[in-house]
C-alpha atoms as a PDB file:
ATOM      1  CA  MET A   1     -22.133  -6.101 -23.930  1.00  0.00           C
ATOM      2  CA  THR A   2     -22.097  -2.482 -22.533  1.00  0.00           C
ATOM      3  CA  VAL A   3     -18.343  -1.088 -21.750  1.00  0.00           C
ATOM      4  CA  VAL A   4     -18.907   0.949 -18.416  1.00  0.00           C
ATOM      5  CA  ALA A   5     -15.542   2.614 -17.396  1.00  0.00           C
ATOM      6  CA  GLY A   6     -15.146   4.084 -13.703  1.00  0.00           C
ATOM      7  CA  LEU A   7     -13.893   7.689 -13.406  1.00  0.00           C
ATOM      8  CA  VAL A   8     -12.272   8.791  -9.969  1.00  0.00           C
ATOM      9  CA  LEU A   9     -11.473  12.502 -10.109  1.00  0.00           C
ATOM     10  CA  ALA A  10      -8.482  12.351  -7.638  1.00  0.00           C
ATOM     11  CA  ALA A  11      -6.631  15.924  -9.270  1.00  0.00           C
ATOM     12  CA  GLY A  12      -7.702  18.004  -6.519  1.00  0.00           C
ATOM     13  CA  ALA A  13      -5.593  19.795  -3.656  1.00  0.00           C
ATOM     14  CA  GLY A  14      -7.745  19.405  -0.978  1.00  0.00           C
ATOM     15  CA  ARG A  15      -7.519  23.170   0.354  1.00  0.00           C
ATOM     16  CA  ARG A  16      -9.949  22.427   3.131  1.00  0.00           C
ATOM     17  CA  TYR A  17      -8.541  18.854   4.053  1.00  0.00           C
ATOM     18  CA  GLY A  18      -5.205  20.460   4.040  1.00  0.00           C
ATOM     19  CA  LYS A  19      -3.665  17.858   1.366  1.00  0.00           C
ATOM     20  CA  PRO A  20      -4.927  16.262  -1.532  1.00  0.00           C
ATOM     21  CA  LYS A  21      -7.702  13.711  -0.598  1.00  0.00           C
ATOM     22  CA  ALA A  22      -6.356  11.116  -2.924  1.00  0.00           C
ATOM     23  CA  LEU A  23      -3.620  10.292  -0.753  1.00  0.00           C
ATOM     24  CA  VAL A  24      -5.967  10.502   2.768  1.00  0.00           C
ATOM     25  CA  ARG A  25      -5.063   7.348   4.398  1.00  0.00           C
ATOM     26  CA  HIS A  26      -8.504   5.534   6.092  1.00  0.00           C
ATOM     27  CA  ASN A  27      -8.857   1.788   7.402  1.00  0.00           C
ATOM     28  CA  GLY A  28      -4.962   0.874   5.527  1.00  0.00           C
ATOM     29  CA  ARG A  29      -5.637   2.026   2.104  1.00  0.00           C
ATOM     30  CA  LEU A  30      -5.707   5.766   0.172  1.00  0.00           C
ATOM     31  CA  PHE A  31      -8.692   7.193  -1.102  1.00  0.00           C
ATOM     32  CA  VAL A  32      -7.613   7.049  -4.286  1.00  0.00           C
ATOM     33  CA  GLN A  33      -6.907   3.214  -3.567  1.00  0.00           C
ATOM     34  CA  SER A  34     -10.400   2.351  -2.324  1.00  0.00           C
ATOM     35  CA  ALA A  35     -12.316   4.274  -4.853  1.00  0.00           C
ATOM     36  CA  ALA A  36     -10.521   2.245  -7.715  1.00  0.00           C
ATOM     37  CA  GLU A  37     -11.218  -0.964  -5.648  1.00  0.00           C
ATOM     38  CA  VAL A  38     -14.847  -0.475  -5.100  1.00  0.00           C
ATOM     39  CA  LEU A  39     -15.344   0.857  -9.206  1.00  0.00           C
ATOM     40  CA  ARG A  40     -13.496  -2.316 -10.531  1.00  0.00           C
ATOM     41  CA  ALA A  41     -15.239  -4.799  -7.568  1.00  0.00           C
ATOM     42  CA  ALA A  42     -18.460  -2.897  -9.190  1.00  0.00           C
ATOM     43  CA  GLY A  43     -17.642  -4.420 -12.796  1.00  0.00           C
ATOM     44  CA  CYS A  44     -16.123  -1.277 -14.084  1.00  0.00           C
ATOM     45  CA  GLU A  45     -13.681  -1.521 -17.029  1.00  0.00           C
ATOM     46  CA  PRO A  46     -11.321   0.135 -17.226  1.00  0.00           C
ATOM     47  CA  VAL A  47     -10.550   2.214 -14.097  1.00  0.00           C
ATOM     48  CA  ILE A  48      -9.351   5.964 -15.121  1.00  0.00           C
ATOM     49  CA  VAL A  49      -7.635   7.904 -12.082  1.00  0.00           C
ATOM     50  CA  VAL A  50      -7.496  11.607 -13.005  1.00  0.00           C
ATOM     51  CA  LEU A  51      -4.660  12.944 -11.523  1.00  0.00           C
ATOM     52  CA  GLY A  52      -3.697  16.673 -10.745  1.00  0.00           C
ATOM     53  CA  ALA A  53      -2.282  17.588  -7.591  1.00  0.00           C
ATOM     54  CA  ALA A  54       0.421  15.797  -5.971  1.00  0.00           C
ATOM     55  CA  ALA A  55       0.186  13.410  -9.211  1.00  0.00           C
ATOM     56  CA  GLU A  56       3.447  11.958  -8.727  1.00  0.00           C
ATOM     57  CA  GLN A  57       2.386  10.571  -4.911  1.00  0.00           C
ATOM     58  CA  VAL A  58      -0.738   9.259  -6.339  1.00  0.00           C
ATOM     59  CA  ARG A  59       0.548   7.714  -9.565  1.00  0.00           C
ATOM     60  CA  ALA A  60       3.036   5.989  -7.040  1.00  0.00           C
ATOM     61  CA  ALA A  61       0.250   4.371  -5.317  1.00  0.00           C
ATOM     62  CA  ASP A  62      -0.630   0.669  -6.061  1.00  0.00           C
ATOM     63  CA  LEU A  63      -4.026   1.348  -8.728  1.00  0.00           C
ATOM     64  CA  GLY A  64      -3.703  -2.243 -10.082  1.00  0.00           C
ATOM     65  CA  THR A  65      -4.546  -1.978 -13.913  1.00  0.00           C
ATOM     66  CA  ALA A  66      -6.154   1.823 -13.421  1.00  0.00           C
ATOM     67  CA  VAL A  67      -5.396   4.077 -16.483  1.00  0.00           C
ATOM     68  CA  LEU A  68      -4.048   7.223 -15.426  1.00  0.00           C
ATOM     69  CA  VAL A  69      -4.604  10.390 -16.920  1.00  0.00           C
ATOM     70  CA  ASP A  70      -3.260  13.824 -15.917  1.00  0.00           C
ATOM     71  CA  ASN A  71      -5.094  17.330 -15.766  1.00  0.00           C
ATOM     72  CA  PRO A  72      -2.958  19.930 -16.336  1.00  0.00           C
ATOM     73  CA  ASP A  73      -5.766  22.601 -15.834  1.00  0.00           C
ATOM     74  CA  TRP A  74      -6.237  20.722 -12.476  1.00  0.00           C
ATOM     75  CA  ALA A  75      -6.256  23.707 -10.182  1.00  0.00           C
ATOM     76  CA  THR A  76      -9.247  25.676 -12.262  1.00  0.00           C
ATOM     77  CA  GLY A  77     -11.373  22.805 -10.867  1.00  0.00           C
ATOM     78  CA  MET A  78     -13.476  19.288 -10.814  1.00  0.00           C
ATOM     79  CA  GLY A  79     -14.865  20.634 -13.980  1.00  0.00           C
ATOM     80  CA  SER A  80     -11.786  20.016 -15.857  1.00  0.00           C
ATOM     81  CA  SER A  81     -10.976  16.826 -14.211  1.00  0.00           C
ATOM     82  CA  LEU A  82     -14.094  15.238 -15.606  1.00  0.00           C
ATOM     83  CA  ARG A  83     -13.933  16.635 -19.256  1.00  0.00           C
ATOM     84  CA  ALA A  84     -10.017  14.770 -19.022  1.00  0.00           C
ATOM     85  CA  GLY A  85     -12.031  11.426 -17.740  1.00  0.00           C
ATOM     86  CA  LEU A  86     -14.750  11.602 -20.466  1.00  0.00           C
ATOM     87  CA  ALA A  87     -11.812  12.292 -23.234  1.00  0.00           C
ATOM     88  CA  ALA A  88      -9.889   9.092 -21.740  1.00  0.00           C
ATOM     89  CA  ALA A  89     -13.002   7.194 -21.793  1.00  0.00           C
ATOM     90  CA  GLU A  90     -13.738   7.728 -25.249  1.00  0.00           C
ATOM     91  CA  GLU A  91     -10.034   6.714 -26.090  1.00  0.00           C
ATOM     92  CA  VAL A  92     -11.039   3.581 -24.639  1.00  0.00           C
ATOM     93  CA  ALA A  93     -14.382   3.381 -26.307  1.00  0.00           C
ATOM     94  CA  ALA A  94     -16.530   3.135 -23.285  1.00  0.00           C
ATOM     95  CA  ASP A  95     -20.175   3.272 -23.676  1.00  0.00           C
ATOM     96  CA  ALA A  96     -20.972   4.827 -20.033  1.00  0.00           C
ATOM     97  CA  VAL A  97     -18.700   5.942 -17.299  1.00  0.00           C
ATOM     98  CA  VAL A  98     -19.660   6.083 -13.685  1.00  0.00           C
ATOM     99  CA  VAL A  99     -17.752   9.079 -11.631  1.00  0.00           C
ATOM    100  CA  LEU A 100     -17.026   8.621  -8.120  1.00  0.00           C
ATOM    101  CA  PRO A 101     -15.255  11.667  -6.583  1.00  0.00           C
ATOM    102  CA  VAL A 102     -12.429  10.166  -4.573  1.00  0.00           C
ATOM    103  CA  ASP A 103     -13.304  11.831  -1.245  1.00  0.00           C
ATOM    104  CA  LEU A 104     -16.274   9.449  -1.068  1.00  0.00           C
ATOM    105  CA  PRO A 105     -15.298   6.708   1.837  1.00  0.00           C
ATOM    106  CA  GLY A 106     -18.730   5.997   2.254  1.00  0.00           C
ATOM    107  CA  VAL A 107     -19.412   4.571  -1.007  1.00  0.00           C
ATOM    108  CA  THR A 108     -19.715   0.491  -1.843  1.00  0.00           C
ATOM    109  CA  ALA A 109     -19.345  -1.853  -4.609  1.00  0.00           C
ATOM    110  CA  GLU A 110     -23.028  -2.974  -3.717  1.00  0.00           C
ATOM    111  CA  ALA A 111     -24.286   0.859  -4.775  1.00  0.00           C
ATOM    112  CA  VAL A 112     -21.692   1.445  -7.932  1.00  0.00           C
ATOM    113  CA  ARG A 113     -23.301  -2.053  -8.911  1.00  0.00           C
ATOM    114  CA  ARG A 114     -26.696  -0.693  -8.737  1.00  0.00           C
ATOM    115  CA  VAL A 115     -25.865   2.234 -10.873  1.00  0.00           C
ATOM    116  CA  VAL A 116     -23.827   0.172 -13.380  1.00  0.00           C
ATOM    117  CA  ASP A 117     -26.828  -2.173 -13.790  1.00  0.00           C
ATOM    118  CA  LEU A 118     -28.660   0.731 -15.761  1.00  0.00           C
ATOM    119  CA  ALA A 119     -25.540   1.526 -17.912  1.00  0.00           C
ATOM    120  CA  ALA A 120     -27.017   2.226 -21.397  1.00  0.00           C
ATOM    121  CA  VAL A 121     -25.368   4.962 -24.253  1.00  0.00           C
ATOM    122  CA  ASP A 122     -28.037   7.205 -23.481  1.00  0.00           C
ATOM    123  CA  ALA A 123     -28.798   6.517 -19.926  1.00  0.00           C
ATOM    124  CA  LEU A 124     -28.501   9.100 -16.730  1.00  0.00           C
ATOM    125  CA  ALA A 125     -28.733   8.123 -13.143  1.00  0.00           C
ATOM    126  CA  ALA A 126     -27.330   8.610  -9.976  1.00  0.00           C
ATOM    127  CA  ALA A 127     -27.184   7.261  -6.362  1.00  0.00           C
ATOM    128  CA  SER A 128     -29.366   8.789  -3.925  1.00  0.00           C
ATOM    129  CA  TYR A 129     -29.074   8.399   0.083  1.00  0.00           C
ATOM    130  CA  ASP A 130     -32.453   8.800   2.073  1.00  0.00           C
ATOM    131  CA  GLY A 131     -33.903  10.694  -0.964  1.00  0.00           C
ATOM    132  CA  VAL A 132     -30.410  13.266  -1.241  1.00  0.00           C
ATOM    133  CA  ARG A 133     -28.793  12.890  -5.060  1.00  0.00           C
ATOM    134  CA  GLY A 134     -24.979  11.952  -4.935  1.00  0.00           C
ATOM    135  CA  HIS A 135     -22.297   9.617  -6.243  1.00  0.00           C
ATOM    136  CA  PRO A 136     -21.625   7.357  -7.776  1.00  0.00           C
ATOM    137  CA  VAL A 137     -23.199   9.023 -11.441  1.00  0.00           C
ATOM    138  CA  LEU A 138     -23.938   7.331 -14.432  1.00  0.00           C
ATOM    139  CA  LEU A 139     -23.346   8.906 -17.539  1.00  0.00           C
ATOM    140  CA  GLY A 140     -24.413   7.342 -20.656  1.00  0.00           C
ATOM    141  CA  ARG A 141     -21.923   8.175 -24.011  1.00  0.00           C
ATOM    142  CA  ALA A 142     -24.790  10.317 -25.728  1.00  0.00           C
ATOM    143  CA  HIS A 143     -24.541  12.815 -22.385  1.00  0.00           C
ATOM    144  CA  TRP A 144     -20.729  13.418 -22.660  1.00  0.00           C
ATOM    145  CA  PRO A 145     -20.913  16.335 -25.106  1.00  0.00           C
ATOM    146  CA  GLY A 146     -23.451  18.155 -23.068  1.00  0.00           C
ATOM    147  CA  VAL A 147     -21.601  17.170 -19.952  1.00  0.00           C
ATOM    148  CA  ARG A 148     -18.239  18.793 -21.393  1.00  0.00           C
ATOM    149  CA  GLU A 149     -19.918  21.859 -21.776  1.00  0.00           C
ATOM    150  CA  VAL A 150     -21.190  22.717 -18.667  1.00  0.00           C
ATOM    151  CA  ALA A 151     -18.282  21.023 -16.481  1.00  0.00           C
ATOM    152  CA  VAL A 152     -16.493  24.208 -15.373  1.00  0.00           C
ATOM    153  CA  GLY A 153     -15.075  25.297 -12.578  1.00  0.00           C
ATOM    154  CA  ASP A 154     -16.094  23.043  -9.658  1.00  0.00           C
ATOM    155  CA  ALA A 155     -19.696  22.568 -10.946  1.00  0.00           C
ATOM    156  CA  GLY A 156     -18.778  19.449 -12.566  1.00  0.00           C
ATOM    157  CA  ALA A 157     -21.917  17.834 -14.307  1.00  0.00           C
ATOM    158  CA  ARG A 158     -24.705  19.274 -11.966  1.00  0.00           C
ATOM    159  CA  ALA A 159     -25.899  21.408 -13.964  1.00  0.00           C
ATOM    160  CA  TYR A 160     -26.533  18.999 -17.223  1.00  0.00           C
ATOM    161  CA  LEU A 161     -27.784  16.855 -14.408  1.00  0.00           C
ATOM    162  CA  ARG A 162     -30.551  19.300 -12.914  1.00  0.00           C
ATOM    163  CA  ALA A 163     -31.654  19.721 -17.059  1.00  0.00           C
ATOM    164  CA  HIS A 164     -32.167  16.377 -17.738  1.00  0.00           C
ATOM    165  CA  ARG A 165     -34.006  13.033 -16.328  1.00  0.00           C
ATOM    166  CA  VAL A 166     -32.291  11.294 -14.462  1.00  0.00           C
ATOM    167  CA  LEU A 167     -32.562   7.845 -12.764  1.00  0.00           C
ATOM    168  CA  ASP A 168     -32.693   7.954  -8.813  1.00  0.00           C
ATOM    169  CA  VAL A 169     -31.334   4.626  -7.371  1.00  0.00           C
ATOM    170  CA  PRO A 170     -31.712   4.258  -4.254  1.00  0.00           C
ATOM    171  CA  CYS A 171     -28.366   3.168  -2.145  1.00  0.00           C
ATOM    172  CA  GLY A 172     -28.964   4.108   1.255  1.00  0.00           C
ATOM    173  CA  ASP A 173     -29.151   0.783   2.750  1.00  0.00           C
ATOM    174  CA  VAL A 174     -26.055   0.017   1.229  1.00  0.00           C
ATOM    175  CA  ALA A 175     -23.543   3.118   1.212  1.00  0.00           C
ATOM    176  CA  SER A 176     -23.388   5.706   3.488  1.00  0.00           C
ATOM    177  CA  GLY A 177     -22.426   8.578   0.598  1.00  0.00           C
ATOM    178  CA  LEU A 178     -20.012   9.749   3.540  1.00  0.00           C
ATOM    179  CA  ASP A 179     -18.305  12.879   1.577  1.00  0.00           C
ATOM    180  CA  VAL A 180     -14.811  13.873   3.363  1.00  0.00           C
ATOM    181  CA  ASP A 181     -13.938  17.459   2.981  1.00  0.00           C
ATOM    182  CA  ARG A 182     -12.372  18.146   6.666  1.00  0.00           C
ATOM    183  CA  PRO A 183     -10.515  15.720   8.716  1.00  0.00           C
ATOM    184  CA  SER A 184     -13.031  15.937  11.180  1.00  0.00           C
ATOM    185  CA  ASP A 185     -15.716  14.318   8.392  1.00  0.00           C
ATOM    186  CA  LEU A 186     -13.933  10.995   8.842  1.00  0.00           C
ATOM    187  CA  PRO A 187     -15.325   8.457  11.177  1.00  0.00           C
ATOM    188  CA  ARG A 188     -13.039   7.273  13.844  1.00  0.00           C
END
């Protein structure tokens, strides 16, 4: 059976938002709780949460059985969190990871499930919304070394994904892919 870990990137300071987005409360839950729950509900096990800014406050949230990973380099950008998360996924012998930044409350378990269904050691897949690539992104273990090489600053895996064939997984009928950068982005 293919082991698919869920990877929540939750280390950022949320400068544009005004506070770490992991700690934003929406629909009665913190973003970090919702992201972990969505991954778990879609069959990702374990769920890995990468911490950075406000790590102790995020650690205090009810994250169930999530594996918490500290990223001491979180201030350098999302790339360091992705590298830290991939290292943790190697430790739990995952075959693939499904990456979900914490600030995407519009991603549903059904969207994640569609991406998870394509999991394999050599797979690359990404959800899309109205033809635009988004998250979650599935990275098979065979791609982790290449992703680590390009995951610097805030670029994450973007350059790697542009250079490789990525399976498109239409999810606009089950999720919005809403990305929240500022308080005004949150639906009322």
